[in-house]
PDB file of all heavy atoms in Angstrom:
ATOM      1  N   ILE A   1       2.635   5.998  -2.357  1.00  0.00           N
ATOM      2  CA  ILE A   1       2.299   4.585  -2.540  1.00  0.00           C
ATOM      3  C   ILE A   1       0.855   4.320  -2.133  1.00  0.00           C
ATOM      4  O   ILE A   1       0.182   3.494  -2.745  1.00  0.00           O
ATOM      5  CB  ILE A   1       3.294   3.652  -1.813  1.00  0.00           C
ATOM      6  CG1 ILE A   1       3.152   2.218  -2.356  1.00  0.00           C
ATOM      7  CG2 ILE A   1       3.096   3.662  -0.327  1.00  0.00           C
ATOM      8  CD1 ILE A   1       3.464   2.038  -3.804  1.00  0.00           C
ATOM      9  N   ILE A   2       0.364   5.022  -1.135  1.00  0.00           N
ATOM     10  CA  ILE A   2      -1.042   4.853  -0.759  1.00  0.00           C
ATOM     11  C   ILE A   2      -1.944   5.293  -1.902  1.00  0.00           C
ATOM     12  O   ILE A   2      -2.927   4.628  -2.221  1.00  0.00           O
ATOM     13  CB  ILE A   2      -1.339   5.599   0.564  1.00  0.00           C
ATOM     14  CG1 ILE A   2      -0.695   4.831   1.721  1.00  0.00           C
ATOM     15  CG2 ILE A   2      -2.844   5.769   0.763  1.00  0.00           C
ATOM     16  CD1 ILE A   2      -0.713   5.567   3.049  1.00  0.00           C
ATOM     17  N   GLY A   3      -1.604   6.391  -2.560  1.00  0.00           N
ATOM     18  CA  GLY A   3      -2.363   6.813  -3.736  1.00  0.00           C
ATOM     19  C   GLY A   3      -2.311   5.779  -4.838  1.00  0.00           C
ATOM     20  O   GLY A   3      -3.320   5.482  -5.496  1.00  0.00           O
ATOM     21  N   ALA A   4      -1.130   5.195  -5.045  1.00  0.00           N
ATOM     22  CA  ALA A   4      -0.986   4.153  -6.061  1.00  0.00           C
ATOM     23  C   ALA A   4      -1.801   2.919  -5.701  1.00  0.00           C
ATOM     24  O   ALA A   4      -2.460   2.319  -6.556  1.00  0.00           O
ATOM     25  CB  ALA A   4       0.489   3.787  -6.233  1.00  0.00           C
ATOM     26  N   VAL A   5      -1.783   2.538  -4.427  1.00  0.00           N
ATOM     27  CA  VAL A   5      -2.566   1.390  -3.971  1.00  0.00           C
ATOM     28  C   VAL A   5      -4.054   1.637  -4.204  1.00  0.00           C
ATOM     29  O   VAL A   5      -4.784   0.752  -4.667  1.00  0.00           O
ATOM     30  CB  VAL A   5      -2.276   1.088  -2.477  1.00  0.00           C
ATOM     31  CG1 VAL A   5      -3.307   0.142  -1.885  1.00  0.00           C
ATOM     32  CG2 VAL A   5      -0.870   0.530  -2.307  1.00  0.00           C
ATOM     33  N   GLU A   6      -4.503   2.838  -3.919  1.00  0.00           N
ATOM     34  CA  GLU A   6      -5.920   3.180  -4.132  1.00  0.00           C
ATOM     35  C   GLU A   6      -6.271   3.131  -5.626  1.00  0.00           C
ATOM     36  O   GLU A   6      -7.343   2.646  -5.995  1.00  0.00           O
ATOM     37  CB  GLU A   6      -6.238   4.549  -3.538  1.00  0.00           C
ATOM     38  CG  GLU A   6      -6.215   4.568  -2.017  1.00  0.00           C
ATOM     39  CD  GLU A   6      -7.228   3.622  -1.387  1.00  0.00           C
ATOM     40  OE1 GLU A   6      -8.358   3.496  -1.896  1.00  0.00           O
ATOM     41  OE2 GLU A   6      -6.879   2.990  -0.365  1.00  0.00           O
ATOM     42  N   ALA A   7      -5.380   3.627  -6.466  1.00  0.00           N
ATOM     43  CA  ALA A   7      -5.623   3.580  -7.918  1.00  0.00           C
ATOM     44  C   ALA A   7      -5.669   2.135  -8.406  1.00  0.00           C
ATOM     45  O   ALA A   7      -6.531   1.773  -9.227  1.00  0.00           O
ATOM     46  CB  ALA A   7      -4.544   4.360  -8.667  1.00  0.00           C
ATOM     47  N   MET A   8      -4.779   1.294  -7.899  1.00  0.00           N
ATOM     48  CA  MET A   8      -4.791  -0.114  -8.291  1.00  0.00           C
ATOM     49  C   MET A   8      -6.061  -0.794  -7.811  1.00  0.00           C
ATOM     50  O   MET A   8      -6.677  -1.577  -8.546  1.00  0.00           O
ATOM     51  CB  MET A   8      -3.556  -0.835  -7.737  1.00  0.00           C
ATOM     52  CG  MET A   8      -2.274  -0.430  -8.432  1.00  0.00           C
ATOM     53  SD  MET A   8      -0.823  -1.386  -7.914  1.00  0.00           S
ATOM     54  CE  MET A   8      -0.653  -0.915  -6.212  1.00  0.00           C
ATOM     55  N   SER A   9      -6.475  -0.483  -6.606  1.00  0.00           N
ATOM     56  CA  SER A   9      -7.705  -1.059  -6.067  1.00  0.00           C
ATOM     57  C   SER A   9      -8.911  -0.663  -6.908  1.00  0.00           C
ATOM     58  O   SER A   9      -9.758  -1.499  -7.241  1.00  0.00           O
ATOM     59  CB  SER A   9      -7.894  -0.600  -4.617  1.00  0.00           C
ATOM     60  OG  SER A   9      -9.093  -1.105  -4.085  1.00  0.00           O
ATOM     61  N   ALA A  10      -8.979   0.599  -7.292  1.00  0.00           N
ATOM     62  CA  ALA A  10     -10.091   1.083  -8.118  1.00  0.00           C
ATOM     63  C   ALA A  10     -10.107   0.406  -9.487  1.00  0.00           C
ATOM     64  O   ALA A  10     -11.174   0.209 -10.079  1.00  0.00           O
ATOM     65  CB  ALA A  10     -10.005   2.605  -8.277  1.00  0.00           C
ATOM     66  N   ALA A  11      -8.927   0.011  -9.966  1.00  0.00           N
ATOM     67  CA  ALA A  11      -8.825  -0.657 -11.272  1.00  0.00           C
ATOM     68  C   ALA A  11      -8.959  -2.181 -11.142  1.00  0.00           C
ATOM     69  O   ALA A  11      -8.855  -2.896 -12.137  1.00  0.00           O
ATOM     70  CB  ALA A  11      -7.491  -0.306 -11.927  1.00  0.00           C
ATOM     71  N   GLY A  12      -9.163  -2.666  -9.913  1.00  0.00           N
ATOM     72  CA  GLY A  12      -9.313  -4.094  -9.707  1.00  0.00           C
ATOM     73  C   GLY A  12      -8.010  -4.874  -9.759  1.00  0.00           C
ATOM     74  O   GLY A  12      -8.011  -6.089  -9.953  1.00  0.00           O
ATOM     75  N   ILE A  13      -6.897  -4.195  -9.579  1.00  0.00           N
ATOM     76  CA  ILE A  13      -5.583  -4.836  -9.646  1.00  0.00           C
ATOM     77  C   ILE A  13      -5.175  -5.292  -8.248  1.00  0.00           C
ATOM     78  O   ILE A  13      -5.203  -4.520  -7.297  1.00  0.00           O
ATOM     79  CB  ILE A  13      -4.537  -3.873 -10.231  1.00  0.00           C
ATOM     80  CG1 ILE A  13      -4.909  -3.538 -11.668  1.00  0.00           C
ATOM     81  CG2 ILE A  13      -3.137  -4.457 -10.135  1.00  0.00           C
ATOM     82  CD1 ILE A  13      -4.075  -2.440 -12.276  1.00  0.00           C
ATOM     83  N   LYS A  14      -4.781  -6.570  -8.147  1.00  0.00           N
ATOM     84  CA  LYS A  14      -4.367  -7.144  -6.863  1.00  0.00           C
ATOM     85  C   LYS A  14      -3.048  -7.876  -7.043  1.00  0.00           C
ATOM     86  O   LYS A  14      -2.579  -8.093  -8.148  1.00  0.00           O
ATOM     87  CB  LYS A  14      -5.422  -8.136  -6.376  1.00  0.00           C
ATOM     88  CG  LYS A  14      -6.777  -7.527  -6.129  1.00  0.00           C
ATOM     89  CD  LYS A  14      -7.779  -8.590  -5.706  1.00  0.00           C
ATOM     90  CE  LYS A  14      -9.145  -7.951  -5.549  1.00  0.00           C
ATOM     91  NZ  LYS A  14     -10.157  -8.939  -5.203  1.00  0.00           N
ATOM     92  N   ASN A  15      -2.466  -8.273  -5.926  1.00  0.00           N
ATOM     93  CA  ASN A  15      -1.269  -9.118  -5.902  1.00  0.00           C
ATOM     94  C   ASN A  15      -0.053  -8.499  -6.588  1.00  0.00           C
ATOM     95  O   ASN A  15       0.678  -9.182  -7.293  1.00  0.00           O
ATOM     96  CB  ASN A  15      -1.566 -10.491  -6.491  1.00  0.00           C
ATOM     97  CG  ASN A  15      -2.677 -11.192  -5.745  1.00  0.00           C
ATOM     98  OD1 ASN A  15      -2.750 -11.094  -4.524  1.00  0.00           O
ATOM     99  ND2 ASN A  15      -3.538 -11.871  -6.461  1.00  0.00           N
ATOM    100  N   LYS A  16       0.148  -7.218  -6.397  1.00  0.00           N
ATOM    101  CA  LYS A  16       1.359  -6.542  -6.857  1.00  0.00           C
ATOM    102  C   LYS A  16       2.190  -6.171  -5.634  1.00  0.00           C
ATOM    103  O   LYS A  16       1.656  -5.904  -4.560  1.00  0.00           O
ATOM    104  CB  LYS A  16       1.028  -5.269  -7.649  1.00  0.00           C
ATOM    105  CG  LYS A  16       0.115  -5.486  -8.840  1.00  0.00           C
ATOM    106  CD  LYS A  16       0.762  -6.343  -9.898  1.00  0.00           C
ATOM    107  CE  LYS A  16      -0.158  -6.508 -11.099  1.00  0.00           C
ATOM    108  NZ  LYS A  16       0.412  -7.319 -12.138  1.00  0.00           N
ATOM    109  N   VAL A  17       3.483  -6.153  -5.775  1.00  0.00           N
ATOM    110  CA  VAL A  17       4.356  -5.740  -4.680  1.00  0.00           C
ATOM    111  C   VAL A  17       4.277  -4.221  -4.559  1.00  0.00           C
ATOM    112  O   VAL A  17       4.447  -3.511  -5.555  1.00  0.00           O
ATOM    113  CB  VAL A  17       5.809  -6.198  -4.931  1.00  0.00           C
ATOM    114  CG1 VAL A  17       6.740  -5.668  -3.842  1.00  0.00           C
ATOM    115  CG2 VAL A  17       5.882  -7.714  -5.017  1.00  0.00           C
ATOM    116  N   THR A  18       4.026  -3.742  -3.347  1.00  0.00           N
ATOM    117  CA  THR A  18       3.915  -2.303  -3.115  1.00  0.00           C
ATOM    118  C   THR A  18       4.805  -1.916  -1.940  1.00  0.00           C
ATOM    119  O   THR A  18       4.746  -2.522  -0.878  1.00  0.00           O
ATOM    120  CB  THR A  18       2.454  -1.904  -2.815  1.00  0.00           C
ATOM    121  OG1 THR A  18       1.958  -2.711  -1.742  1.00  0.00           O
ATOM    122  CG2 THR A  18       1.577  -2.086  -4.044  1.00  0.00           C
ATOM    123  N   ILE A  19       5.643  -0.905  -2.167  1.00  0.00           N
ATOM    124  CA  ILE A  19       6.589  -0.470  -1.139  1.00  0.00           C
ATOM    125  C   ILE A  19       6.589   1.054  -1.079  1.00  0.00           C
ATOM    126  O   ILE A  19       6.712   1.728  -2.100  1.00  0.00           O
ATOM    127  CB  ILE A  19       8.013  -0.972  -1.435  1.00  0.00           C
ATOM    128  CG1 ILE A  19       8.013  -2.506  -1.537  1.00  0.00           C
ATOM    129  CG2 ILE A  19       8.990  -0.487  -0.364  1.00  0.00           C
ATOM    130  CD1 ILE A  19       9.315  -3.086  -2.038  1.00  0.00           C
ATOM    131  N   GLY A  20       6.470   1.574   0.125  1.00  0.00           N
ATOM    132  CA  GLY A  20       6.521   3.014   0.345  1.00  0.00           C
ATOM    133  C   GLY A  20       7.818   3.410   1.023  1.00  0.00           C
ATOM    134  O   GLY A  20       8.739   2.605   1.178  1.00  0.00           O
ATOM    135  N   PHE A  21       7.869   4.658   1.452  1.00  0.00           N
ATOM    136  CA  PHE A  21       9.076   5.192   2.078  1.00  0.00           C
ATOM    137  C   PHE A  21       8.669   6.230   3.105  1.00  0.00           C
ATOM    138  O   PHE A  21       8.018   7.206   2.747  1.00  0.00           O
ATOM    139  CB  PHE A  21       9.966   5.832   1.002  1.00  0.00           C
ATOM    140  CG  PHE A  21      11.380   6.061   1.439  1.00  0.00           C
ATOM    141  CD1 PHE A  21      12.353   5.115   1.179  1.00  0.00           C
ATOM    142  CD2 PHE A  21      11.738   7.210   2.116  1.00  0.00           C
ATOM    143  CE1 PHE A  21      13.671   5.322   1.575  1.00  0.00           C
ATOM    144  CE2 PHE A  21      13.045   7.425   2.520  1.00  0.00           C
ATOM    145  CZ  PHE A  21      14.013   6.477   2.251  1.00  0.00           C
ATOM    146  N   ASP A  22       8.959   6.033   4.339  1.00  0.00           N
ATOM    147  CA  ASP A  22       8.775   6.965   5.456  1.00  0.00           C
ATOM    148  C   ASP A  22       8.278   6.285   6.725  1.00  0.00           C
ATOM    149  O   ASP A  22       8.378   6.857   7.791  1.00  0.00           O
ATOM    150  CB  ASP A  22       7.846   8.148   5.156  1.00  0.00           C
ATOM    151  CG  ASP A  22       8.479   9.193   4.261  1.00  0.00           C
ATOM    152  OD1 ASP A  22       9.718   9.275   4.214  1.00  0.00           O
ATOM    153  OD2 ASP A  22       7.731   9.933   3.598  1.00  0.00           O
ATOM    154  N   ALA A  23       7.696   5.097   6.624  1.00  0.00           N
ATOM    155  CA  ALA A  23       7.200   4.371   7.800  1.00  0.00           C
ATOM    156  C   ALA A  23       6.207   5.203   8.603  1.00  0.00           C
ATOM    157  O   ALA A  23       6.339   5.385   9.809  1.00  0.00           O
ATOM    158  CB  ALA A  23       8.361   3.884   8.666  1.00  0.00           C
ATOM    159  N   THR A  24       5.187   5.702   7.912  1.00  0.00           N
ATOM    160  CA  THR A  24       4.169   6.524   8.562  1.00  0.00           C
ATOM    161  C   THR A  24       3.065   5.657   9.163  1.00  0.00           C
ATOM    162  O   THR A  24       2.867   4.504   8.756  1.00  0.00           O
ATOM    163  CB  THR A  24       3.524   7.494   7.555  1.00  0.00           C
ATOM    164  OG1 THR A  24       2.849   6.731   6.548  1.00  0.00           O
ATOM    165  CG2 THR A  24       4.555   8.420   6.927  1.00  0.00           C
ATOM    166  N   PRO A  25       2.313   6.212  10.107  1.00  0.00           N
ATOM    167  CA  PRO A  25       1.180   5.462  10.664  1.00  0.00           C
ATOM    168  C   PRO A  25       0.178   5.015   9.593  1.00  0.00           C
ATOM    169  O   PRO A  25      -0.371   3.910   9.680  1.00  0.00           O
ATOM    170  CB  PRO A  25       0.543   6.455  11.641  1.00  0.00           C
ATOM    171  CG  PRO A  25       1.687   7.323  12.076  1.00  0.00           C
ATOM    172  CD  PRO A  25       2.531   7.475  10.827  1.00  0.00           C
ATOM    173  N   ASP A  26      -0.056   5.846   8.594  1.00  0.00           N
ATOM    174  CA  ASP A  26      -0.970   5.444   7.515  1.00  0.00           C
ATOM    175  C   ASP A  26      -0.440   4.221   6.777  1.00  0.00           C
ATOM    176  O   ASP A  26      -1.198   3.314   6.431  1.00  0.00           O
ATOM    177  CB  ASP A  26      -1.186   6.591   6.520  1.00  0.00           C
ATOM    178  CG  ASP A  26      -2.046   7.711   7.093  1.00  0.00           C
ATOM    179  OD1 ASP A  26      -2.762   7.475   8.079  1.00  0.00           O
ATOM    180  OD2 ASP A  26      -1.987   8.827   6.540  1.00  0.00           O
ATOM    181  N   ALA A  27       0.856   4.195   6.526  1.00  0.00           N
ATOM    182  CA  ALA A  27       1.455   3.039   5.854  1.00  0.00           C
ATOM    183  C   ALA A  27       1.303   1.794   6.712  1.00  0.00           C
ATOM    184  O   ALA A  27       0.972   0.714   6.210  1.00  0.00           O
ATOM    185  CB  ALA A  27       2.927   3.301   5.546  1.00  0.00           C
ATOM    186  N   PHE A  28       1.519   1.935   8.017  1.00  0.00           N
ATOM    187  CA  PHE A  28       1.357   0.783   8.905  1.00  0.00           C
ATOM    188  C   PHE A  28      -0.073   0.262   8.870  1.00  0.00           C
ATOM    189  O   PHE A  28      -0.302  -0.945   8.894  1.00  0.00           O
ATOM    190  CB  PHE A  28       1.760   1.143  10.334  1.00  0.00           C
ATOM    191  CG  PHE A  28       3.221   1.456  10.500  1.00  0.00           C
ATOM    192  CD1 PHE A  28       3.643   2.345  11.461  1.00  0.00           C
ATOM    193  CD2 PHE A  28       4.193   0.852   9.700  1.00  0.00           C
ATOM    194  CE1 PHE A  28       4.990   2.625  11.642  1.00  0.00           C
ATOM    195  CE2 PHE A  28       5.544   1.130   9.860  1.00  0.00           C
ATOM    196  CZ  PHE A  28       5.939   2.020  10.835  1.00  0.00           C
ATOM    197  N   GLN A  29      -1.034   1.168   8.796  1.00  0.00           N
ATOM    198  CA  GLN A  29      -2.426   0.733   8.728  1.00  0.00           C
ATOM    199  C   GLN A  29      -2.681  -0.038   7.433  1.00  0.00           C
ATOM    200  O   GLN A  29      -3.339  -1.082   7.443  1.00  0.00           O
ATOM    201  CB  GLN A  29      -3.380   1.931   8.840  1.00  0.00           C
ATOM    202  CG  GLN A  29      -4.837   1.538   8.892  1.00  0.00           C
ATOM    203  CD  GLN A  29      -5.161   0.630  10.069  1.00  0.00           C
ATOM    204  OE1 GLN A  29      -4.694   0.841  11.186  1.00  0.00           O
ATOM    205  NE2 GLN A  29      -5.955  -0.407   9.826  1.00  0.00           N
ATOM    206  N   TYR A  30      -2.166   0.446   6.328  1.00  0.00           N
ATOM    207  CA  TYR A  30      -2.316  -0.263   5.051  1.00  0.00           C
ATOM    208  C   TYR A  30      -1.630  -1.629   5.102  1.00  0.00           C
ATOM    209  O   TYR A  30      -2.126  -2.594   4.531  1.00  0.00           O
ATOM    210  CB  TYR A  30      -1.765   0.580   3.897  1.00  0.00           C
ATOM    211  CG  TYR A  30      -2.805   1.483   3.284  1.00  0.00           C
ATOM    212  CD1 TYR A  30      -3.380   2.524   4.002  1.00  0.00           C
ATOM    213  CD2 TYR A  30      -3.240   1.290   1.979  1.00  0.00           C
ATOM    214  CE1 TYR A  30      -4.347   3.339   3.450  1.00  0.00           C
ATOM    215  CE2 TYR A  30      -4.198   2.109   1.404  1.00  0.00           C
ATOM    216  CZ  TYR A  30      -4.755   3.127   2.156  1.00  0.00           C
ATOM    217  OH  TYR A  30      -5.734   3.940   1.602  1.00  0.00           O
ATOM    218  N   MET A  31      -0.508  -1.703   5.792  1.00  0.00           N
ATOM    219  CA  MET A  31       0.174  -2.987   5.943  1.00  0.00           C
ATOM    220  C   MET A  31      -0.695  -3.951   6.751  1.00  0.00           C
ATOM    221  O   MET A  31      -0.838  -5.122   6.392  1.00  0.00           O
ATOM    222  CB  MET A  31       1.541  -2.793   6.600  1.00  0.00           C
ATOM    223  CG  MET A  31       2.542  -2.078   5.695  1.00  0.00           C
ATOM    224  SD  MET A  31       4.055  -1.603   6.548  1.00  0.00           S
ATOM    225  CE  MET A  31       4.846  -3.198   6.707  1.00  0.00           C
ATOM    226  N   LYS A  32      -1.288  -3.462   7.839  1.00  0.00           N
ATOM    227  CA  LYS A  32      -2.154  -4.300   8.666  1.00  0.00           C
ATOM    228  C   LYS A  32      -3.354  -4.814   7.874  1.00  0.00           C
ATOM    229  O   LYS A  32      -3.834  -5.917   8.106  1.00  0.00           O
ATOM    230  CB  LYS A  32      -2.627  -3.523   9.891  1.00  0.00           C
ATOM    231  CG  LYS A  32      -1.546  -3.293  10.919  1.00  0.00           C
ATOM    232  CD  LYS A  32      -2.049  -2.436  12.069  1.00  0.00           C
ATOM    233  CE  LYS A  32      -0.925  -2.151  13.050  1.00  0.00           C
ATOM    234  NZ  LYS A  32      -1.338  -1.215  14.113  1.00  0.00           N
ATOM    235  N   GLU A  33      -3.834  -3.994   6.940  1.00  0.00           N
ATOM    236  CA  GLU A  33      -4.979  -4.372   6.110  1.00  0.00           C
ATOM    237  C   GLU A  33      -4.571  -5.227   4.912  1.00  0.00           C
ATOM    238  O   GLU A  33      -5.421  -5.618   4.113  1.00  0.00           O
ATOM    239  CB  GLU A  33      -5.702  -3.109   5.630  1.00  0.00           C
ATOM    240  CG  GLU A  33      -6.335  -2.310   6.764  1.00  0.00           C
ATOM    241  CD  GLU A  33      -6.862  -0.955   6.319  1.00  0.00           C
ATOM    242  OE1 GLU A  33      -6.846  -0.649   5.104  1.00  0.00           O
ATOM    243  OE2 GLU A  33      -7.280  -0.179   7.204  1.00  0.00           O
ATOM    244  N   GLY A  34      -3.273  -5.488   4.763  1.00  0.00           N
ATOM    245  CA  GLY A  34      -2.795  -6.307   3.652  1.00  0.00           C
ATOM    246  C   GLY A  34      -2.738  -5.580   2.323  1.00  0.00           C
ATOM    247  O   GLY A  34      -2.639  -6.203   1.271  1.00  0.00           O
ATOM    248  N   LYS A  35      -2.760  -4.260   2.351  1.00  0.00           N
ATOM    249  CA  LYS A  35      -2.755  -3.461   1.121  1.00  0.00           C
ATOM    250  C   LYS A  35      -1.358  -2.972   0.727  1.00  0.00           C
ATOM    251  O   LYS A  35      -1.158  -2.513  -0.390  1.00  0.00           O
ATOM    252  CB  LYS A  35      -3.658  -2.239   1.285  1.00  0.00           C
ATOM    253  CG  LYS A  35      -5.114  -2.558   1.507  1.00  0.00           C
ATOM    254  CD  LYS A  35      -5.893  -1.268   1.707  1.00  0.00           C
ATOM    255  CE  LYS A  35      -7.342  -1.509   1.974  1.00  0.00           C
ATOM    256  NZ  LYS A  35      -8.062  -0.234   2.212  1.00  0.00           N
ATOM    257  N   LEU A  36      -0.407  -3.039   1.659  1.00  0.00           N
ATOM    258  CA  LEU A  36       0.945  -2.541   1.427  1.00  0.00           C
ATOM    259  C   LEU A  36       1.931  -3.585   1.937  1.00  0.00           C
ATOM    260  O   LEU A  36       1.770  -4.103   3.044  1.00  0.00           O
ATOM    261  CB  LEU A  36       1.152  -1.210   2.159  1.00  0.00           C
ATOM    262  CG  LEU A  36       2.475  -0.496   1.989  1.00  0.00           C
ATOM    263  CD1 LEU A  36       2.710  -0.088   0.533  1.00  0.00           C
ATOM    264  CD2 LEU A  36       2.541   0.736   2.888  1.00  0.00           C
ATOM    265  N   ASN A  37       2.928  -3.908   1.119  1.00  0.00           N
ATOM    266  CA  ASN A  37       3.889  -4.943   1.497  1.00  0.00           C
ATOM    267  C   ASN A  37       4.984  -4.454   2.428  1.00  0.00           C
ATOM    268  O   ASN A  37       5.436  -5.197   3.300  1.00  0.00           O
ATOM    269  CB  ASN A  37       4.542  -5.553   0.254  1.00  0.00           C
ATOM    270  CG  ASN A  37       3.529  -6.240  -0.618  1.00  0.00           C
ATOM    271  OD1 ASN A  37       3.166  -5.722  -1.669  1.00  0.00           O
ATOM    272  ND2 ASN A  37       3.037  -7.396  -0.192  1.00  0.00           N
ATOM    273  N   ALA A  38       5.441  -3.220   2.240  1.00  0.00           N
ATOM    274  CA  ALA A  38       6.554  -2.732   3.053  1.00  0.00           C
ATOM    275  C   ALA A  38       6.654  -1.219   2.949  1.00  0.00           C
ATOM    276  O   ALA A  38       6.077  -0.594   2.055  1.00  0.00           O
ATOM    277  CB  ALA A  38       7.865  -3.358   2.583  1.00  0.00           C
ATOM    278  N   THR A  39       7.404  -0.666   3.880  1.00  0.00           N
ATOM    279  CA  THR A  39       7.776   0.737   3.841  1.00  0.00           C
ATOM    280  C   THR A  39       9.220   0.814   4.349  1.00  0.00           C
ATOM    281  O   THR A  39       9.721  -0.132   4.939  1.00  0.00           O
ATOM    282  CB  THR A  39       6.818   1.617   4.675  1.00  0.00           C
ATOM    283  OG1 THR A  39       7.173   2.996   4.518  1.00  0.00           O
ATOM    284  CG2 THR A  39       6.842   1.253   6.145  1.00  0.00           C
ATOM    285  N   ILE A  40       9.866   1.906   4.093  1.00  0.00           N
ATOM    286  CA  ILE A  40      11.251   2.083   4.504  1.00  0.00           C
ATOM    287  C   ILE A  40      11.293   3.139   5.600  1.00  0.00           C
ATOM    288  O   ILE A  40      10.779   4.241   5.422  1.00  0.00           O
ATOM    289  CB  ILE A  40      12.140   2.537   3.320  1.00  0.00           C
ATOM    290  CG1 ILE A  40      11.987   1.614   2.120  1.00  0.00           C
ATOM    291  CG2 ILE A  40      13.592   2.665   3.759  1.00  0.00           C
ATOM    292  CD1 ILE A  40      12.400   0.185   2.327  1.00  0.00           C
TER     293      ILE A  40
END
């Protein structure tokens, strides 16, 4: 999902629901930055 978020960012795409799986520290950082909506 982080790769997908980066691809969307590079394409100028915003305001999409993004959800990952694993609850990793990297995912938490993306959540804090407002780039990721949730993780499992």
